[in-house]
Amino acid sequence: MAAMATLHVRNVPTELYESLRNRAALNGRSINAEVIEILGRGVETWRRNEQWWAEFEELTSRMRLPPDAPKPEDLIRWDRDHGH
């Protein structure tokens, strides 16, 4: 088994710590295990968002819109202003 890193977190607000402690207890985990779970989910979400954004940028880079095409924000504003 590979060596694992240690992460120390300082200055955790009491309210946050208590919330973590309560959440860990509800999930039957230690605070350490709960924090690792939360961090893991956060990093996975970040990775998925980065992948999605990269795919979006790649797709939009291949689009060839005419120079006089309306801007997306103008279309959204028009739609909002006209109750659609």
N, C-alpha and C. Protein backbone atom coordinates (compact mmCIF):
# COMPACT_ATOMS: atom_id res chain seq x y z
N MET A 1 0.85 -1.18 0.00
CA MET A 1 0.00 0.00 0.00
C MET A 1 0.89 1.24 0.00
N ALA A 2 0.56 2.21 -0.83
CA ALA A 2 1.35 3.43 -0.94
C ALA A 2 1.17 4.29 0.31
N ALA A 3 2.19 5.04 0.60
CA ALA A 3 2.11 5.96 1.74
C ALA A 3 1.04 7.01 1.47
N MET A 4 0.35 7.42 2.51
CA MET A 4 -0.70 8.43 2.37
C MET A 4 -0.23 9.74 2.94
N ALA A 5 -0.68 10.80 2.33
CA ALA A 5 -0.34 12.14 2.79
C ALA A 5 -1.17 12.50 4.02
N THR A 6 -0.68 13.43 4.77
CA THR A 6 -1.39 13.96 5.92
C THR A 6 -1.72 15.41 5.66
N LEU A 7 -2.95 15.78 5.95
CA LEU A 7 -3.41 17.15 5.74
C LEU A 7 -3.85 17.70 7.08
N HIS A 8 -3.30 18.81 7.48
CA HIS A 8 -3.70 19.48 8.71
C HIS A 8 -4.48 20.72 8.33
N VAL A 9 -5.62 20.90 8.96
CA VAL A 9 -6.45 22.07 8.69
C VAL A 9 -6.54 22.87 9.98
N ARG A 10 -6.20 24.13 9.89
CA ARG A 10 -6.20 25.00 11.07
C ARG A 10 -7.31 26.03 10.98
N ASN A 11 -7.63 26.59 12.12
CA ASN A 11 -8.60 27.69 12.24
C ASN A 11 -9.97 27.33 11.68
N VAL A 12 -10.41 26.10 11.95
CA VAL A 12 -11.75 25.68 11.53
C VAL A 12 -12.76 26.34 12.46
N PRO A 13 -13.69 27.09 11.92
CA PRO A 13 -14.70 27.72 12.78
C PRO A 13 -15.47 26.65 13.57
N THR A 14 -15.79 26.96 14.80
CA THR A 14 -16.46 26.01 15.69
C THR A 14 -17.75 25.49 15.08
N GLU A 15 -18.53 26.37 14.48
CA GLU A 15 -19.81 25.96 13.87
C GLU A 15 -19.58 24.95 12.75
N LEU A 16 -18.57 25.17 11.94
CA LEU A 16 -18.25 24.24 10.86
C LEU A 16 -17.80 22.90 11.43
N TYR A 17 -16.96 22.94 12.43
CA TYR A 17 -16.47 21.71 13.05
C TYR A 17 -17.63 20.91 13.63
N GLU A 18 -18.54 21.58 14.31
CA GLU A 18 -19.69 20.89 14.89
C GLU A 18 -20.57 20.28 13.80
N SER A 19 -20.74 20.99 12.70
CA SER A 19 -21.52 20.45 11.58
C SER A 19 -20.85 19.21 11.01
N LEU A 20 -19.53 19.26 10.87
CA LEU A 20 -18.79 18.09 10.38
C LEU A 20 -18.93 16.92 11.35
N ARG A 21 -18.82 17.20 12.63
CA ARG A 21 -18.92 16.16 13.64
C ARG A 21 -20.31 15.52 13.60
N ASN A 22 -21.35 16.34 13.48
CA ASN A 22 -22.71 15.82 13.40
C ASN A 22 -22.93 15.00 12.13
N ARG A 23 -22.43 15.50 11.01
CA ARG A 23 -22.58 14.79 9.75
C ARG A 23 -21.85 13.46 9.80
N ALA A 24 -20.64 13.46 10.36
CA ALA A 24 -19.87 12.22 10.48
C ALA A 24 -20.63 11.21 11.33
N ALA A 25 -21.19 11.66 12.44
CA ALA A 25 -21.95 10.75 13.31
C ALA A 25 -23.16 10.18 12.58
N LEU A 26 -23.87 11.01 11.84
CA LEU A 26 -25.04 10.55 11.08
C LEU A 26 -24.66 9.50 10.03
N ASN A 27 -23.45 9.65 9.47
CA ASN A 27 -23.00 8.73 8.43
C ASN A 27 -22.17 7.57 8.99
N GLY A 28 -22.03 7.52 10.31
CA GLY A 28 -21.29 6.42 10.93
C GLY A 28 -19.80 6.44 10.61
N ARG A 29 -19.25 7.63 10.48
CA ARG A 29 -17.83 7.77 10.15
C ARG A 29 -17.15 8.66 11.17
N SER A 30 -15.83 8.58 11.19
CA SER A 30 -15.05 9.53 11.98
C SER A 30 -15.07 10.88 11.25
N ILE A 31 -14.69 11.92 11.96
CA ILE A 31 -14.61 13.24 11.32
C ILE A 31 -13.60 13.19 10.17
N ASN A 32 -12.48 12.51 10.40
CA ASN A 32 -11.46 12.38 9.36
C ASN A 32 -12.04 11.71 8.11
N ALA A 33 -12.74 10.60 8.29
CA ALA A 33 -13.32 9.88 7.15
C ALA A 33 -14.38 10.74 6.45
N GLU A 34 -15.13 11.49 7.23
CA GLU A 34 -16.17 12.36 6.65
C GLU A 34 -15.54 13.46 5.80
N VAL A 35 -14.48 14.07 6.31
CA VAL A 35 -13.80 15.13 5.57
C VAL A 35 -13.21 14.58 4.27
N ILE A 36 -12.62 13.38 4.34
CA ILE A 36 -12.07 12.76 3.13
C ILE A 36 -13.18 12.51 2.12
N GLU A 37 -14.33 12.04 2.58
CA GLU A 37 -15.48 11.82 1.69
C GLU A 37 -15.91 13.13 1.03
N ILE A 38 -16.04 14.18 1.82
CA ILE A 38 -16.46 15.49 1.29
C ILE A 38 -15.44 16.02 0.29
N LEU A 39 -14.17 15.94 0.64
CA LEU A 39 -13.13 16.41 -0.28
C LEU A 39 -13.13 15.61 -1.57
N GLY A 40 -13.26 14.29 -1.45
CA GLY A 40 -13.28 13.44 -2.64
C GLY A 40 -14.42 13.78 -3.57
N ARG A 41 -15.60 13.99 -3.01
CA ARG A 41 -16.76 14.36 -3.85
C ARG A 41 -16.55 15.73 -4.49
N GLY A 42 -16.00 16.65 -3.73
CA GLY A 42 -15.74 17.98 -4.27
C GLY A 42 -14.75 17.96 -5.42
N VAL A 43 -13.69 17.20 -5.25
CA VAL A 43 -12.68 17.10 -6.31
C VAL A 43 -13.26 16.42 -7.54
N GLU A 44 -14.05 15.37 -7.34
CA GLU A 44 -14.67 14.68 -8.47
C GLU A 44 -15.62 15.61 -9.23
N THR A 45 -16.40 16.40 -8.52
CA THR A 45 -17.28 17.37 -9.16
C THR A 45 -16.47 18.39 -9.94
N TRP A 46 -15.39 18.87 -9.34
CA TRP A 46 -14.51 19.82 -10.01
C TRP A 46 -13.94 19.22 -11.30
N ARG A 47 -13.51 17.96 -11.23
CA ARG A 47 -12.97 17.29 -12.43
C ARG A 47 -14.02 17.18 -13.52
N ARG A 48 -15.24 16.77 -13.14
CA ARG A 48 -16.31 16.66 -14.14
C ARG A 48 -16.62 18.01 -14.76
N ASN A 49 -16.66 19.06 -13.93
CA ASN A 49 -16.92 20.40 -14.45
C ASN A 49 -15.82 20.85 -15.38
N GLU A 50 -14.57 20.57 -15.03
CA GLU A 50 -13.46 20.94 -15.91
C GLU A 50 -13.56 20.20 -17.23
N GLN A 51 -13.89 18.91 -17.18
CA GLN A 51 -14.02 18.12 -18.41
C GLN A 51 -15.15 18.68 -19.27
N TRP A 52 -16.29 18.98 -18.62
CA TRP A 52 -17.42 19.53 -19.36
C TRP A 52 -17.04 20.84 -20.02
N TRP A 53 -16.36 21.71 -19.27
CA TRP A 53 -15.98 23.01 -19.81
C TRP A 53 -15.02 22.85 -20.98
N ALA A 54 -14.06 21.93 -20.87
CA ALA A 54 -13.11 21.70 -21.96
C ALA A 54 -13.84 21.21 -23.21
N GLU A 55 -14.81 20.30 -23.03
CA GLU A 55 -15.59 19.81 -24.17
C GLU A 55 -16.42 20.93 -24.78
N PHE A 56 -17.00 21.77 -23.93
CA PHE A 56 -17.79 22.91 -24.40
C PHE A 56 -16.92 23.87 -25.22
N GLU A 57 -15.74 24.21 -24.69
CA GLU A 57 -14.86 25.12 -25.41
C GLU A 57 -14.40 24.52 -26.74
N GLU A 58 -14.13 23.21 -26.75
CA GLU A 58 -13.71 22.56 -28.00
C GLU A 58 -14.84 22.62 -29.02
N LEU A 59 -16.05 22.37 -28.57
CA LEU A 59 -17.21 22.41 -29.46
C LEU A 59 -17.43 23.82 -30.00
N THR A 60 -17.42 24.81 -29.12
CA THR A 60 -17.66 26.18 -29.57
C THR A 60 -16.54 26.70 -30.46
N SER A 61 -15.33 26.19 -30.29
CA SER A 61 -14.24 26.64 -31.16
C SER A 61 -14.43 26.17 -32.60
N ARG A 62 -15.22 25.10 -32.77
CA ARG A 62 -15.48 24.59 -34.12
C ARG A 62 -16.68 25.25 -34.78
N MET A 63 -17.44 26.03 -34.02
CA MET A 63 -18.62 26.70 -34.58
C MET A 63 -18.18 27.91 -35.39
N ARG A 64 -18.84 28.08 -36.50
CA ARG A 64 -18.55 29.23 -37.36
C ARG A 64 -19.83 30.05 -37.51
N LEU A 65 -20.03 30.97 -36.59
CA LEU A 65 -21.20 31.83 -36.66
C LEU A 65 -20.90 33.04 -37.53
N PRO A 66 -21.91 33.54 -38.23
CA PRO A 66 -21.69 34.74 -39.04
C PRO A 66 -21.38 35.92 -38.13
N PRO A 67 -20.62 36.89 -38.63
CA PRO A 67 -20.22 38.04 -37.81
C PRO A 67 -21.41 38.84 -37.27
N ASP A 68 -22.54 38.80 -37.96
CA ASP A 68 -23.70 39.57 -37.51
C ASP A 68 -24.65 38.74 -36.64
N ALA A 69 -24.25 37.56 -36.23
CA ALA A 69 -25.10 36.71 -35.37
C ALA A 69 -25.31 37.41 -34.03
N PRO A 70 -26.52 37.30 -33.48
CA PRO A 70 -26.78 37.96 -32.19
C PRO A 70 -25.97 37.31 -31.08
N LYS A 71 -25.63 38.11 -30.09
CA LYS A 71 -24.89 37.60 -28.94
C LYS A 71 -25.84 36.79 -28.06
N PRO A 72 -25.35 35.73 -27.44
CA PRO A 72 -26.22 34.92 -26.57
C PRO A 72 -26.88 35.74 -25.47
N GLU A 73 -26.15 36.67 -24.87
CA GLU A 73 -26.73 37.46 -23.78
C GLU A 73 -27.87 38.33 -24.27
N ASP A 74 -27.80 38.80 -25.56
CA ASP A 74 -28.90 39.59 -26.11
C ASP A 74 -30.13 38.71 -26.32
N LEU A 75 -29.93 37.48 -26.76
CA LEU A 75 -31.05 36.55 -26.95
C LEU A 75 -31.70 36.21 -25.61
N ILE A 76 -30.88 36.00 -24.59
CA ILE A 76 -31.41 35.69 -23.26
C ILE A 76 -32.19 36.88 -22.72
N ARG A 77 -31.64 38.08 -22.88
CA ARG A 77 -32.31 39.29 -22.40
C ARG A 77 -33.65 39.47 -23.11
N TRP A 78 -33.68 39.28 -24.44
CA TRP A 78 -34.91 39.42 -25.20
C TRP A 78 -35.95 38.42 -24.71
N ASP A 79 -35.51 37.17 -24.53
CA ASP A 79 -36.42 36.12 -24.08
C ASP A 79 -36.98 36.46 -22.70
N ARG A 80 -36.12 36.91 -21.80
CA ARG A 80 -36.55 37.28 -20.45
C ARG A 80 -37.53 38.46 -20.49
N ASP A 81 -37.20 39.48 -21.28
CA ASP A 81 -38.03 40.69 -21.35
C ASP A 81 -39.39 40.47 -22.00
N HIS A 82 -39.50 39.41 -22.80
CA HIS A 82 -40.74 39.14 -23.51
C HIS A 82 -41.53 37.99 -22.87
N GLY A 83 -41.16 37.62 -21.66
CA GLY A 83 -41.92 36.65 -20.89
C GLY A 83 -41.93 35.23 -21.43
N HIS A 84 -40.84 34.84 -22.02
CA HIS A 84 -40.77 33.45 -22.54
C HIS A 84 -40.05 32.54 -21.59
